[in-house]
Protein backbone atom coordinates (compact mmCIF):
# COMPACT_ATOMS: atom_id res chain seq x y z
CA MET A 1 0.00 0.00 0.00
CA SER A 2 1.37 3.40 -1.00
CA THR A 3 2.00 6.22 1.46
CA GLU A 4 -0.68 8.31 -0.22
CA THR A 5 -3.28 5.57 0.23
CA ARG A 6 -2.41 5.24 3.92
CA THR A 7 -2.80 8.98 4.33
CA GLU A 8 -6.18 9.05 2.63
CA THR A 9 -7.58 6.42 4.99
CA ARG A 10 -6.04 7.82 8.19
CA THR A 11 -9.43 9.12 9.33
CA PRO A 12 -12.93 8.13 8.21
CA ILE A 13 -14.26 9.84 5.13
CA ARG A 14 -17.95 10.65 4.94
CA THR A 15 -19.56 9.74 1.64
CA GLU A 16 -22.41 12.04 0.72
CA THR A 17 -25.35 9.86 -0.28
CA GLY A 18 -27.10 11.17 -3.35
CA ALA A 19 -24.52 13.88 -4.00
CA PRO A 20 -25.36 16.07 -7.01
CA ASP A 21 -23.73 15.06 -10.28
CA PHE A 22 -21.50 18.15 -10.31
CA VAL A 23 -20.09 17.23 -6.88
CA ARG A 24 -19.12 13.75 -8.08
CA ALA A 25 -17.65 15.14 -11.31
CA THR A 26 -15.63 17.78 -9.44
CA SER A 27 -14.33 15.22 -6.97
CA ALA A 28 -13.22 12.80 -9.70
CA SER A 29 -11.67 15.56 -11.80
CA TYR A 30 -9.56 16.99 -8.97
CA ASP A 31 -8.53 13.49 -7.92
CA ALA A 32 -7.16 13.05 -11.44
CA ILE A 33 -5.18 16.31 -11.50
CA ALA A 34 -4.28 16.71 -7.80
CA PRO A 35 -0.49 16.12 -8.03
CA ALA A 36 -0.07 18.25 -11.16
CA TYR A 37 -2.29 21.01 -9.78
CA THR A 38 -0.32 21.13 -6.53
CA GLU A 39 2.96 21.35 -8.44
CA ALA A 40 1.63 24.08 -10.74
CA PHE A 41 0.26 26.18 -7.86
CA PRO A 42 2.61 25.51 -4.95
CA HIS A 43 1.97 28.71 -3.00
CA GLY A 44 -1.76 29.34 -3.29
CA LEU A 45 -2.04 33.13 -3.15
CA GLY A 46 1.29 33.53 -4.88
CA ASP A 47 2.95 36.92 -5.25
CA ARG A 48 -0.29 38.89 -4.93
CA PRO A 49 -0.07 41.47 -2.13
CA VAL A 50 -3.72 42.51 -2.36
CA ASP A 51 -4.91 38.91 -2.06
CA HIS A 52 -2.71 38.40 0.99
CA ALA A 53 -3.96 41.64 2.53
CA LEU A 54 -7.60 40.60 2.09
CA VAL A 55 -7.01 37.19 3.66
CA ASN A 56 -5.12 38.90 6.51
CA ALA A 57 -8.09 41.24 7.05
CA PHE A 58 -10.46 38.25 7.08
CA ALA A 59 -8.27 36.58 9.71
CA GLU A 60 -8.36 39.72 11.86
CA LEU A 61 -12.15 39.91 11.63
CA VAL A 62 -12.53 36.25 12.56
CA ARG A 63 -10.21 36.56 15.54
CA ALA A 64 -12.32 39.47 16.79
CA THR A 65 -15.48 37.32 16.84
CA GLY A 66 -14.03 34.83 19.36
CA THR A 67 -12.47 31.39 19.27
CA ALA A 68 -14.79 29.59 16.82
CA PRO A 69 -12.77 28.00 13.98
CA VAL A 70 -12.69 28.77 10.27
CA ALA A 71 -13.49 26.22 7.59
CA ASP A 72 -11.37 26.60 4.45
CA ILE A 73 -13.82 25.11 1.96
CA GLY A 74 -12.20 23.89 -1.21
CA SER A 75 -8.89 23.80 0.63
CA GLY A 76 -7.03 21.89 -2.09
CA PRO A 77 -3.38 21.29 -1.10
CA GLY A 78 -3.92 23.29 2.10
CA TYR A 79 -1.63 26.26 1.57
CA VAL A 80 -4.19 28.93 2.50
CA THR A 81 -5.34 26.80 5.43
CA ALA A 82 -1.74 26.86 6.63
CA LYS A 83 -1.56 30.63 6.13
CA LEU A 84 -4.58 31.18 8.36
CA HIS A 85 -3.06 28.86 10.96
CA ALA A 86 0.13 30.92 10.88
CA LEU A 87 -1.99 34.04 11.47
CA GLY A 88 -3.31 32.54 14.69
CA VAL A 89 -6.71 31.44 13.39
CA PRO A 90 -8.07 28.02 14.42
CA VAL A 91 -8.77 26.47 11.04
CA PHE A 92 -9.40 23.21 9.22
CA GLY A 93 -9.80 22.32 5.54
CA ILE A 94 -12.60 20.69 3.60
CA ASP A 95 -12.29 19.51 0.02
CA VAL A 96 -14.43 17.41 -2.26
CA SER A 97 -11.38 15.52 -3.59
CA PRO A 98 -9.97 12.71 -1.40
CA ARG A 99 -6.64 12.93 -3.21
CA MET A 100 -6.36 16.66 -2.55
CA VAL A 101 -7.11 15.97 1.11
CA ALA A 102 -4.36 13.34 1.16
CA LEU A 103 -1.82 15.80 -0.27
CA ALA A 104 -2.88 18.50 2.20
CA ARG A 105 -2.53 16.12 5.15
CA ARG A 106 0.91 15.09 3.96
CA ALA A 107 2.11 18.68 3.51
CA HIS A 108 0.54 19.98 6.73
CA PRO A 109 0.31 17.11 9.23
CA GLU A 110 -0.33 19.53 12.09
CA LEU A 111 -3.65 20.60 10.56
CA ARG A 112 -6.97 18.84 10.04
CA PHE A 113 -8.42 18.17 6.59
CA HIS A 114 -11.38 16.09 5.61
CA VAL A 115 -13.49 15.26 2.58
CA GLY A 116 -16.81 17.02 2.26
CA SER A 117 -19.09 19.03 0.01
CA MET A 118 -20.18 22.60 0.52
CA THR A 119 -23.68 21.56 -0.53
CA SER A 120 -24.05 19.54 2.68
CA LEU A 121 -21.50 20.43 5.36
CA ASP A 122 -21.04 17.79 8.03
CA LEU A 123 -20.94 20.45 10.76
CA PRO A 124 -23.31 21.51 13.55
CA ASP A 125 -25.24 24.76 13.39
CA GLU A 126 -23.49 27.98 14.46
CA THR A 127 -20.05 26.49 15.12
CA LEU A 128 -17.79 28.45 12.72
CA GLY A 129 -16.36 31.91 13.14
CA GLY A 130 -15.61 32.11 9.44
CA VAL A 131 -15.92 30.43 6.07
CA LEU A 132 -13.20 30.88 3.46
CA ALA A 133 -13.95 29.74 -0.08
CA LEU A 134 -11.26 30.69 -2.58
CA TYR A 135 -11.91 29.60 -6.17
CA SER A 136 -14.30 26.85 -5.06
CA ILE A 137 -17.76 28.23 -5.87
CA ILE A 138 -16.67 28.46 -9.51
CA HIS A 139 -17.69 24.81 -9.98
CA VAL A 140 -21.14 25.22 -8.41
CA PRO A 141 -24.05 25.52 -10.87
CA ASP A 142 -26.40 28.46 -10.44
CA GLU A 143 -29.27 26.35 -9.12
CA HIS A 144 -27.08 25.02 -6.27
CA LEU A 145 -25.66 28.35 -5.07
CA PRO A 146 -28.66 29.05 -2.78
CA THR A 147 -28.07 25.70 -1.05
CA VAL A 148 -24.35 26.41 -0.63
CA PHE A 149 -24.84 29.87 0.85
CA ALA A 150 -27.64 28.61 3.08
CA GLU A 151 -25.14 26.08 4.45
CA PHE A 152 -22.60 28.84 5.06
CA HIS A 153 -25.25 30.82 6.94
CA ARG A 154 -26.26 27.75 8.97
CA VAL A 155 -22.79 26.86 10.23
CA LEU A 156 -21.66 30.42 11.03
CA VAL A 157 -21.98 31.88 14.50
CA PRO A 158 -23.84 35.21 14.62
CA GLY A 159 -21.31 37.81 13.55
CA GLY A 160 -19.25 35.23 11.62
CA HIS A 161 -17.70 36.15 8.27
CA VAL A 162 -17.47 34.67 4.77
CA LEU A 163 -14.69 35.52 2.34
CA LEU A 164 -15.16 34.40 -1.25
CA CYS A 165 -12.79 34.70 -4.19
CA PHE A 166 -13.67 33.75 -7.74
CA GLN A 167 -12.77 34.55 -11.31
CA THR A 168 -15.24 37.07 -12.64
CA ALA A 169 -16.35 38.59 -15.92
CA ASP A 170 -18.45 41.44 -17.25
CA GLU A 171 -21.40 39.07 -17.54
CA ASP A 172 -22.21 35.61 -16.24
CA ASP A 173 -20.70 32.84 -18.37
CA ARG A 174 -19.86 29.13 -18.30
CA MET A 175 -16.96 27.04 -19.59
CA HIS A 176 -16.48 23.27 -19.72
CA LEU A 177 -13.09 21.52 -19.62
CA ALA A 178 -12.63 17.89 -20.64
CA GLU A 179 -8.83 17.87 -20.19
CA ARG A 180 -6.32 19.53 -17.90
CA PHE A 181 -2.68 18.72 -17.13
CA GLY A 182 -2.96 15.88 -19.64
CA GLN A 183 -5.75 14.20 -17.65
CA GLU A 184 -9.29 13.50 -18.76
CA ILE A 185 -11.70 15.47 -16.57
CA SER A 186 -15.22 16.85 -16.63
CA LEU A 187 -15.35 20.28 -14.99
CA ASP A 188 -17.76 23.12 -15.48
CA TYR A 189 -16.54 26.62 -14.60
CA TYR A 190 -19.02 29.39 -13.84
CA TRP A 191 -17.84 32.99 -14.22
CA ARG A 192 -20.17 35.31 -12.34
CA THR A 193 -20.27 39.03 -11.74
CA PRO A 194 -19.81 40.23 -8.16
CA GLU A 195 -23.39 41.53 -8.31
CA THR A 196 -24.74 38.06 -9.10
CA VAL A 197 -22.87 36.44 -6.22
CA ALA A 198 -23.74 39.29 -3.85
CA GLY A 199 -27.40 38.78 -4.67
CA HIS A 200 -27.20 35.10 -3.71
CA LEU A 201 -25.40 35.95 -0.45
CA THR A 202 -28.04 38.50 0.46
CA ALA A 203 -30.85 36.05 -0.31
CA ALA A 204 -29.19 33.57 2.08
CA GLY A 205 -29.28 36.13 4.90
CA LEU A 206 -25.62 37.17 4.69
CA GLN A 207 -24.78 40.88 4.65
CA VAL A 208 -22.26 41.87 1.98
CA GLN A 209 -19.68 44.22 3.49
CA ALA A 210 -17.06 44.61 0.76
CA ARG A 211 -16.47 43.90 -2.91
CA VAL A 212 -13.04 44.04 -4.54
CA ARG A 213 -12.32 43.46 -8.22
CA ILE A 214 -8.69 42.81 -9.14
CA GLU A 215 -7.70 43.14 -12.77
CA PRO A 216 -5.84 40.17 -14.26
CA PRO A 217 -2.03 40.11 -14.37
CA ALA A 218 -0.27 39.52 -17.67
CA ASP A 219 -0.42 35.73 -17.28
CA ALA A 220 -4.18 35.56 -16.65
CA LYS A 221 -7.28 36.29 -18.69
CA LEU A 222 -9.99 36.95 -16.14
CA PRO A 223 -10.28 39.44 -13.28
CA ARG A 224 -10.75 38.13 -9.76
CA ALA A 225 -13.41 39.23 -7.32
CA PHE A 226 -13.35 39.08 -3.52
CA LEU A 227 -16.60 39.38 -1.58
CA LEU A 228 -16.72 39.73 2.21
CA ALA A 229 -20.02 38.99 3.91
CA ARG A 230 -21.21 38.65 7.49
CA LYS A 231 -23.96 36.78 9.31
CA PRO A 232 -25.99 39.31 11.34
CA GLU A 233 -25.61 39.27 15.10
CA SER A 234 -29.37 38.87 15.45
CA GLU A 235 -32.06 37.88 12.97
């Protein structure tokens, strides 16, 4: 048995019964490309000072709400999870891909990672001080976004924060990839305007506090958007 297999089975993995088709497709696709993806993006936020500053601000806001942990949803190889940990935030990672979780556990054995879907979080109500979702809602179809943001609202403590980051465009669009890093995959990508995503957050009972659009660097085609939202103290 390989080391990676031993790591994947170190703790029980919950299988979501009746998971939507897109969840299964996303899980299988990222399993296929996990090693290559991790090698291609070894540092997560990279050399992007504004991105780092926004994550730092999120960490400060979460620390101010108390000691409830943050869930890094779509944690991938775990590099941003580790950044939050280094900033003094209690944090754990959730990813839909068992192989990504295995790589994250190997790289960051001091942190907790488990397999799960943002459509049905295996967490009690009002137990998180924050939800971080960087480049993970891009694979969620429009009809499932209300469920995802309702889950974020459910698991947050009153006053808890959500920080989202996603590639954006001037109008909502969709792209399908059948191959990446030389591997056969089936991934849909949804490019949404900040206004579209903000509308879904508001409908879920989350108050949008900030929107930031970052123009693409020379090696990228799409701008990135950050949205910060908060669960009201009382409802």
